[in-house]
C-alpha atoms as a PDB file:
ATOM      1  CA  MET A   1     249.274-102.071 -26.981  1.00  0.00           C
ATOM      2  CA  LEU A   2     248.952-101.078 -30.379  1.00  0.00           C
ATOM      3  CA  GLN A   3     245.831-101.917 -31.204  1.00  0.00           C
ATOM      4  CA  ASP A   4     244.282-100.187 -28.177  1.00  0.00           C
ATOM      5  CA  LEU A   5     246.626 -96.697 -29.377  1.00  0.00           C
ATOM      6  CA  ALA A   6     244.822 -97.412 -32.803  1.00  0.00           C
ATOM      7  CA  TRP A   7     241.833 -97.661 -31.106  1.00  0.00           C
ATOM      8  CA  THR A   8     242.233 -94.194 -28.885  1.00  0.00           C
ATOM      9  CA  ALA A   9     243.597 -92.801 -32.467  1.00  0.00           C
ATOM     10  CA  VAL A  10     240.126 -93.689 -34.108  1.00  0.00           C
ATOM     11  CA  ASP A  11     238.435 -92.711 -31.813  1.00  0.00           C
ATOM     12  CA  THR A  12     239.661 -88.895 -30.662  1.00  0.00           C
ATOM     13  CA  LEU A  13     239.327 -88.367 -34.599  1.00  0.00           C
ATOM     14  CA  ALA A  14     235.991 -89.438 -34.561  1.00  0.00           C
ATOM     15  CA  ARG A  15     234.909 -87.062 -31.730  1.00  0.00           C
ATOM     16  CA  ALA A  16     236.898 -84.324 -32.411  1.00  0.00           C
ATOM     17  CA  GLN A  17     235.186 -84.316 -36.450  1.00  0.00           C
ATOM     18  CA  LEU A  18     232.338 -84.197 -34.449  1.00  0.00           C
ATOM     19  CA  ALA A  19     232.938 -81.269 -32.369  1.00  0.00           C
ATOM     20  CA  VAL A  20     233.971 -79.422 -36.250  1.00  0.00           C
ATOM     21  CA  PHE A  21     231.006 -80.512 -37.328  1.00  0.00           C
ATOM     22  CA  HIS A  22     228.681 -78.954 -34.258  1.00  0.00           C
ATOM     23  CA  ALA A  23     230.695 -75.952 -34.073  1.00  0.00           C
ATOM     24  CA  SER A  24     229.955 -74.992 -37.393  1.00  0.00           C
ATOM     25  CA  CYS A  25     226.089 -75.630 -36.464  1.00  0.00           C
ATOM     26  CA  ASN A  26     226.279 -73.700 -33.724  1.00  0.00           C
ATOM     27  CA  ARG A  27     227.864 -70.637 -36.181  1.00  0.00           C
ATOM     28  CA  VAL A  28     225.063 -70.850 -38.273  1.00  0.00           C
ATOM     29  CA  GLY A  29     222.084 -71.543 -36.583  1.00  0.00           C
ATOM     30  CA  LEU A  30     221.380 -74.950 -37.105  1.00  0.00           C
ATOM     31  CA  ARG A  31     219.004 -76.369 -34.869  1.00  0.00           C
ATOM     32  CA  ASP A  32     219.373 -80.290 -34.086  1.00  0.00           C
ATOM     33  CA  GLU A  33     216.210 -82.047 -36.476  1.00  0.00           C
ATOM     34  CA  GLU A  34     219.028 -80.331 -39.426  1.00  0.00           C
ATOM     35  CA  ARG A  35     221.950 -81.454 -38.442  1.00  0.00           C
ATOM     36  CA  ARG A  36     220.477 -85.406 -38.182  1.00  0.00           C
ATOM     37  CA  SER A  37     218.664 -84.634 -41.688  1.00  0.00           C
ATOM     38  CA  ALA A  38     222.038 -83.271 -43.396  1.00  0.00           C
ATOM     39  CA  LEU A  39     223.638 -85.787 -41.890  1.00  0.00           C
ATOM     40  CA  ALA A  40     220.957 -88.503 -43.282  1.00  0.00           C
ATOM     41  CA  LEU A  41     220.723 -90.482 -39.723  1.00  0.00           C
ATOM     42  CA  ASP A  42     217.017 -91.532 -39.073  1.00  0.00           C
ATOM     43  CA  SER A  43     216.102 -90.623 -35.305  1.00  0.00           C
ATOM     44  CA  ARG A  44     218.311 -93.775 -33.625  1.00  0.00           C
ATOM     45  CA  ASN A  45     221.655 -93.200 -35.118  1.00  0.00           C
ATOM     46  CA  TRP A  46     221.566 -89.554 -34.361  1.00  0.00           C
ATOM     47  CA  ALA A  47     220.569 -90.621 -30.802  1.00  0.00           C
ATOM     48  CA  ALA A  48     223.307 -93.447 -31.267  1.00  0.00           C
ATOM     49  CA  TRP A  49     226.273 -90.585 -32.019  1.00  0.00           C
ATOM     50  CA  GLN A  50     224.929 -88.048 -29.657  1.00  0.00           C
ATOM     51  CA  ASP A  51     225.414 -90.653 -27.178  1.00  0.00           C
ATOM     52  CA  PHE A  52     229.773 -91.005 -28.352  1.00  0.00           C
ATOM     53  CA  MET A  53     229.856 -87.064 -27.995  1.00  0.00           C
ATOM     54  CA  ASP A  54     228.590 -87.543 -24.491  1.00  0.00           C
ATOM     55  CA  GLU A  55     231.989 -90.536 -23.531  1.00  0.00           C
ATOM     56  CA  GLY A  56     229.337 -93.337 -25.216  1.00  0.00           C
ATOM     57  CA  PRO A  57     230.520 -95.981 -27.282  1.00  0.00           C
ATOM     58  CA  LEU A  58     231.472 -95.597 -30.957  1.00  0.00           C
ATOM     59  CA  PRO A  59     227.837 -96.082 -32.887  1.00  0.00           C
ATOM     60  CA  ALA A  60     228.021 -98.831 -35.789  1.00  0.00           C
ATOM     61  CA  GLU A  61     225.785 -97.268 -38.211  1.00  0.00           C
ATOM     62  CA  PRO A  62     226.586 -95.863 -39.953  1.00  0.00           C
ATOM     63  CA  PRO A  63     230.193 -96.812 -40.287  1.00  0.00           C
ATOM     64  CA  LEU A  64     233.293 -94.965 -38.999  1.00  0.00           C
ATOM     65  CA  PRO A  65     234.247 -94.342 -42.499  1.00  0.00           C
ATOM     66  CA  GLU A  66     230.469 -93.634 -44.190  1.00  0.00           C
ATOM     67  CA  MET A  67     230.137 -90.905 -41.639  1.00  0.00           C
ATOM     68  CA  LEU A  68     233.803 -89.250 -41.463  1.00  0.00           C
ATOM     69  CA  LEU A  69     232.731 -88.619 -45.248  1.00  0.00           C
ATOM     70  CA  ARG A  70     229.454 -86.966 -44.489  1.00  0.00           C
ATOM     71  CA  LEU A  71     231.046 -84.872 -41.303  1.00  0.00           C
ATOM     72  CA  GLY A  72     233.303 -83.089 -43.689  1.00  0.00           C
ATOM     73  CA  ALA A  73     231.030 -82.829 -46.505  1.00  0.00           C
ATOM     74  CA  ILE A  74     228.758 -81.116 -44.540  1.00  0.00           C
ATOM     75  CA  SER A  75     231.355 -79.245 -42.796  1.00  0.00           C
ATOM     76  CA  PHE A  76     232.351 -77.822 -45.561  1.00  0.00           C
ATOM     77  CA  ARG A  77     229.540 -77.156 -46.739  1.00  0.00           C
ATOM     78  CA  LEU A  78     228.474 -74.800 -43.826  1.00  0.00           C
ATOM     79  CA  VAL A  79     232.185 -73.116 -44.195  1.00  0.00           C
ATOM     80  CA  ALA A  80     231.261 -72.107 -47.340  1.00  0.00           C
ATOM     81  CA  ALA A  81     228.328 -71.056 -46.505  1.00  0.00           C
ATOM     82  CA  GLU A  82     229.457 -68.793 -43.637  1.00  0.00           C
ATOM     83  CA  ALA A  83     232.470 -67.613 -46.142  1.00  0.00           C
ATOM     84  CA  GLY A  84     229.703 -66.465 -48.287  1.00  0.00           C
ATOM     85  CA  GLY A  85     230.650 -68.751 -50.887  1.00  0.00           C
ATOM     86  CA  ALA A  86     227.780 -71.124 -51.135  1.00  0.00           C
ATOM     87  CA  PRO A  87     224.472 -72.379 -49.718  1.00  0.00           C
ATOM     88  CA  ALA A  88     224.475 -74.115 -46.628  1.00  0.00           C
END
């Protein structure tokens, strides 16, 4: 039971971070190809993460901790660029 709750929390966290990333990208006008490139994903992995956002399974690559680091770093840069602090 606790393991199910932990996986639910992980799933919710990952989806929320992707939503923040996409919202930041929308505000600065990044297209899908630019988003994929910013996260250093190949086309196959990008499609898997897009599927995840559409209620699909959690992709294996890149591993979730690495993907969360990428999302956090890029989201930070996007917000900073929006605020005029640094280029995206």
